[in-house]
């Protein structure tokens, strides 16, 4: 993936994160709960990013 693609994907993820967190706030979740849920989601995305790409040559 090119650097431009990575940057675009990272920015898109930030927009989605902000929208999701705002929805959780509007629903009445506590800020600490929102932070915890967001950290879980970030951990999941990091783990997905670190997995070998099965579509790539030698990836599976």
N, C-alpha and C. Protein backbone atom coordinates (compact mmCIF):
# COMPACT_ATOMS: atom_id res chain seq x y z
N UNK A 1 0.85 -1.17 0.00
CA UNK A 1 0.00 0.00 0.00
C UNK A 1 0.90 1.24 0.00
N UNK A 2 0.55 2.20 -0.80
CA UNK A 2 1.36 3.41 -0.89
C UNK A 2 1.19 4.27 0.35
N UNK A 3 2.13 5.15 0.54
CA UNK A 3 2.06 6.07 1.69
C UNK A 3 0.81 6.93 1.62
N UNK A 4 0.46 7.39 0.40
CA UNK A 4 -0.75 8.20 0.24
C UNK A 4 -1.99 7.40 0.62
N UNK A 5 -2.03 6.13 0.22
CA UNK A 5 -3.17 5.27 0.56
C UNK A 5 -3.25 5.05 2.06
N UNK A 6 -2.10 4.84 2.68
CA UNK A 6 -2.07 4.63 4.13
C UNK A 6 -2.55 5.88 4.86
N UNK A 7 -2.12 7.04 4.37
CA UNK A 7 -2.54 8.30 4.99
C UNK A 7 -4.04 8.50 4.83
N UNK A 8 -4.56 8.23 3.64
CA UNK A 8 -6.00 8.36 3.39
C UNK A 8 -6.80 7.42 4.27
N UNK A 9 -6.32 6.19 4.40
CA UNK A 9 -7.00 5.21 5.24
C UNK A 9 -6.98 5.63 6.70
N UNK A 10 -5.85 6.13 7.16
CA UNK A 10 -5.73 6.59 8.55
C UNK A 10 -6.67 7.77 8.82
N UNK A 11 -6.75 8.70 7.87
CA UNK A 11 -7.65 9.85 8.04
C UNK A 11 -9.12 9.41 8.04
N UNK A 12 -9.45 8.47 7.16
CA UNK A 12 -10.82 7.95 7.12
C UNK A 12 -11.17 7.26 8.44
N UNK A 13 -10.23 6.51 8.99
CA UNK A 13 -10.47 5.84 10.26
C UNK A 13 -10.68 6.86 11.38
N UNK A 14 -9.96 7.96 11.36
CA UNK A 14 -10.14 9.00 12.38
C UNK A 14 -11.53 9.64 12.28
N UNK A 15 -12.02 9.85 11.07
CA UNK A 15 -13.36 10.42 10.88
C UNK A 15 -14.41 9.45 11.43
N UNK A 16 -14.27 8.17 11.10
CA UNK A 16 -15.21 7.16 11.59
C UNK A 16 -15.15 7.07 13.11
N UNK A 17 -13.94 7.10 13.67
CA UNK A 17 -13.78 7.03 15.12
C UNK A 17 -14.49 8.21 15.80
N UNK A 18 -14.29 9.40 15.26
CA UNK A 18 -14.92 10.58 15.85
C UNK A 18 -16.44 10.49 15.79
N UNK A 19 -16.97 10.04 14.65
CA UNK A 19 -18.42 9.91 14.51
C UNK A 19 -18.98 8.86 15.47
N UNK A 20 -18.27 7.74 15.60
CA UNK A 20 -18.71 6.67 16.48
C UNK A 20 -18.67 7.13 17.94
N UNK A 21 -17.60 7.79 18.34
CA UNK A 21 -17.49 8.27 19.72
C UNK A 21 -18.57 9.29 20.02
N UNK A 22 -18.88 10.16 19.08
CA UNK A 22 -19.95 11.15 19.29
C UNK A 22 -21.29 10.44 19.45
N UNK A 23 -21.53 9.41 18.67
CA UNK A 23 -22.78 8.65 18.80
C UNK A 23 -22.88 8.00 20.18
N UNK A 24 -21.78 7.47 20.66
CA UNK A 24 -21.77 6.86 21.99
C UNK A 24 -22.06 7.92 23.06
N UNK A 25 -21.48 9.12 22.91
CA UNK A 25 -21.74 10.21 23.85
C UNK A 25 -23.23 10.59 23.84
N UNK A 26 -23.79 10.71 22.64
CA UNK A 26 -25.20 11.08 22.52
C UNK A 26 -26.10 10.01 23.13
N UNK A 27 -25.66 8.78 23.12
CA UNK A 27 -26.42 7.68 23.70
C UNK A 27 -26.33 7.70 25.23
N UNK A 28 -25.36 8.44 25.75
CA UNK A 28 -25.24 8.59 27.20
C UNK A 28 -24.13 7.77 27.85
N UNK A 29 -23.24 7.23 27.04
CA UNK A 29 -22.13 6.47 27.63
C UNK A 29 -21.16 7.40 28.33
N UNK A 30 -20.56 6.88 29.38
CA UNK A 30 -19.57 7.64 30.13
C UNK A 30 -18.31 7.82 29.29
N UNK A 31 -17.64 8.97 29.42
CA UNK A 31 -16.41 9.20 28.66
C UNK A 31 -15.36 8.10 28.86
N UNK A 32 -15.24 7.57 30.07
CA UNK A 32 -14.25 6.52 30.31
C UNK A 32 -14.61 5.24 29.55
N UNK A 33 -15.88 4.95 29.42
CA UNK A 33 -16.33 3.78 28.66
C UNK A 33 -16.04 3.97 27.18
N UNK A 34 -16.28 5.16 26.68
CA UNK A 34 -16.01 5.47 25.28
C UNK A 34 -14.52 5.31 24.99
N UNK A 35 -13.69 5.82 25.89
CA UNK A 35 -12.24 5.70 25.72
C UNK A 35 -11.82 4.24 25.70
N UNK A 36 -12.38 3.44 26.59
CA UNK A 36 -12.04 2.03 26.66
C UNK A 36 -12.46 1.30 25.38
N UNK A 37 -13.68 1.53 24.92
CA UNK A 37 -14.16 0.90 23.69
C UNK A 37 -13.30 1.31 22.51
N UNK A 38 -12.94 2.58 22.42
CA UNK A 38 -12.10 3.05 21.33
C UNK A 38 -10.72 2.40 21.37
N UNK A 39 -10.18 2.20 22.57
CA UNK A 39 -8.87 1.55 22.66
C UNK A 39 -8.95 0.09 22.22
N UNK A 40 -10.06 -0.59 22.54
CA UNK A 40 -10.25 -1.96 22.05
C UNK A 40 -10.29 -1.98 20.52
N UNK A 41 -11.03 -1.04 19.94
CA UNK A 41 -11.13 -0.98 18.49
C UNK A 41 -9.77 -0.71 17.85
N UNK A 42 -9.00 0.21 18.43
CA UNK A 42 -7.66 0.50 17.92
C UNK A 42 -6.76 -0.72 18.01
N UNK A 43 -6.85 -1.47 19.11
CA UNK A 43 -6.07 -2.70 19.25
C UNK A 43 -6.45 -3.71 18.17
N UNK A 44 -7.74 -3.83 17.91
CA UNK A 44 -8.20 -4.76 16.87
C UNK A 44 -7.69 -4.35 15.49
N UNK A 45 -7.73 -3.06 15.19
CA UNK A 45 -7.23 -2.59 13.90
C UNK A 45 -5.73 -2.81 13.77
N UNK A 46 -5.00 -2.59 14.86
CA UNK A 46 -3.56 -2.83 14.84
C UNK A 46 -3.26 -4.30 14.59
N UNK A 47 -4.01 -5.18 15.26
CA UNK A 47 -3.81 -6.62 15.07
C UNK A 47 -4.12 -7.02 13.63
N UNK A 48 -5.17 -6.45 13.05
CA UNK A 48 -5.50 -6.76 11.65
C UNK A 48 -4.41 -6.28 10.72
N UNK A 49 -3.87 -5.12 11.01
CA UNK A 49 -2.81 -4.56 10.16
C UNK A 49 -1.54 -5.41 10.22
N UNK A 50 -1.30 -6.04 11.36
CA UNK A 50 -0.09 -6.83 11.54
C UNK A 50 -0.21 -8.24 10.96
N UNK A 51 -1.44 -8.69 10.66
CA UNK A 51 -1.62 -10.02 10.08
C UNK A 51 -1.09 -10.03 8.65
N UNK A 52 -0.49 -11.15 8.24
CA UNK A 52 -0.03 -11.22 6.85
C UNK A 52 -1.22 -11.18 5.89
N UNK A 53 -1.03 -10.50 4.78
CA UNK A 53 -2.07 -10.38 3.78
C UNK A 53 -2.15 -11.68 2.99
N UNK A 54 -3.24 -12.43 3.14
CA UNK A 54 -3.37 -13.72 2.47
C UNK A 54 -3.42 -13.59 0.96
N UNK A 55 -3.84 -12.42 0.47
CA UNK A 55 -3.92 -12.22 -0.98
C UNK A 55 -2.56 -11.91 -1.58
N UNK A 56 -1.62 -11.51 -0.74
CA UNK A 56 -0.28 -11.16 -1.24
C UNK A 56 0.52 -12.43 -1.50
N UNK A 57 1.42 -12.38 -2.46
CA UNK A 57 2.26 -13.55 -2.71
C UNK A 57 3.01 -13.97 -1.45
N UNK A 58 2.94 -15.24 -1.13
CA UNK A 58 3.62 -15.74 0.06
C UNK A 58 2.85 -15.48 1.35
N UNK A 59 1.66 -14.90 1.24
CA UNK A 59 0.89 -14.56 2.43
C UNK A 59 -0.05 -15.63 2.91
N UNK A 60 -0.12 -16.79 2.23
CA UNK A 60 -1.00 -17.80 2.78
C UNK A 60 -1.36 -18.77 1.82
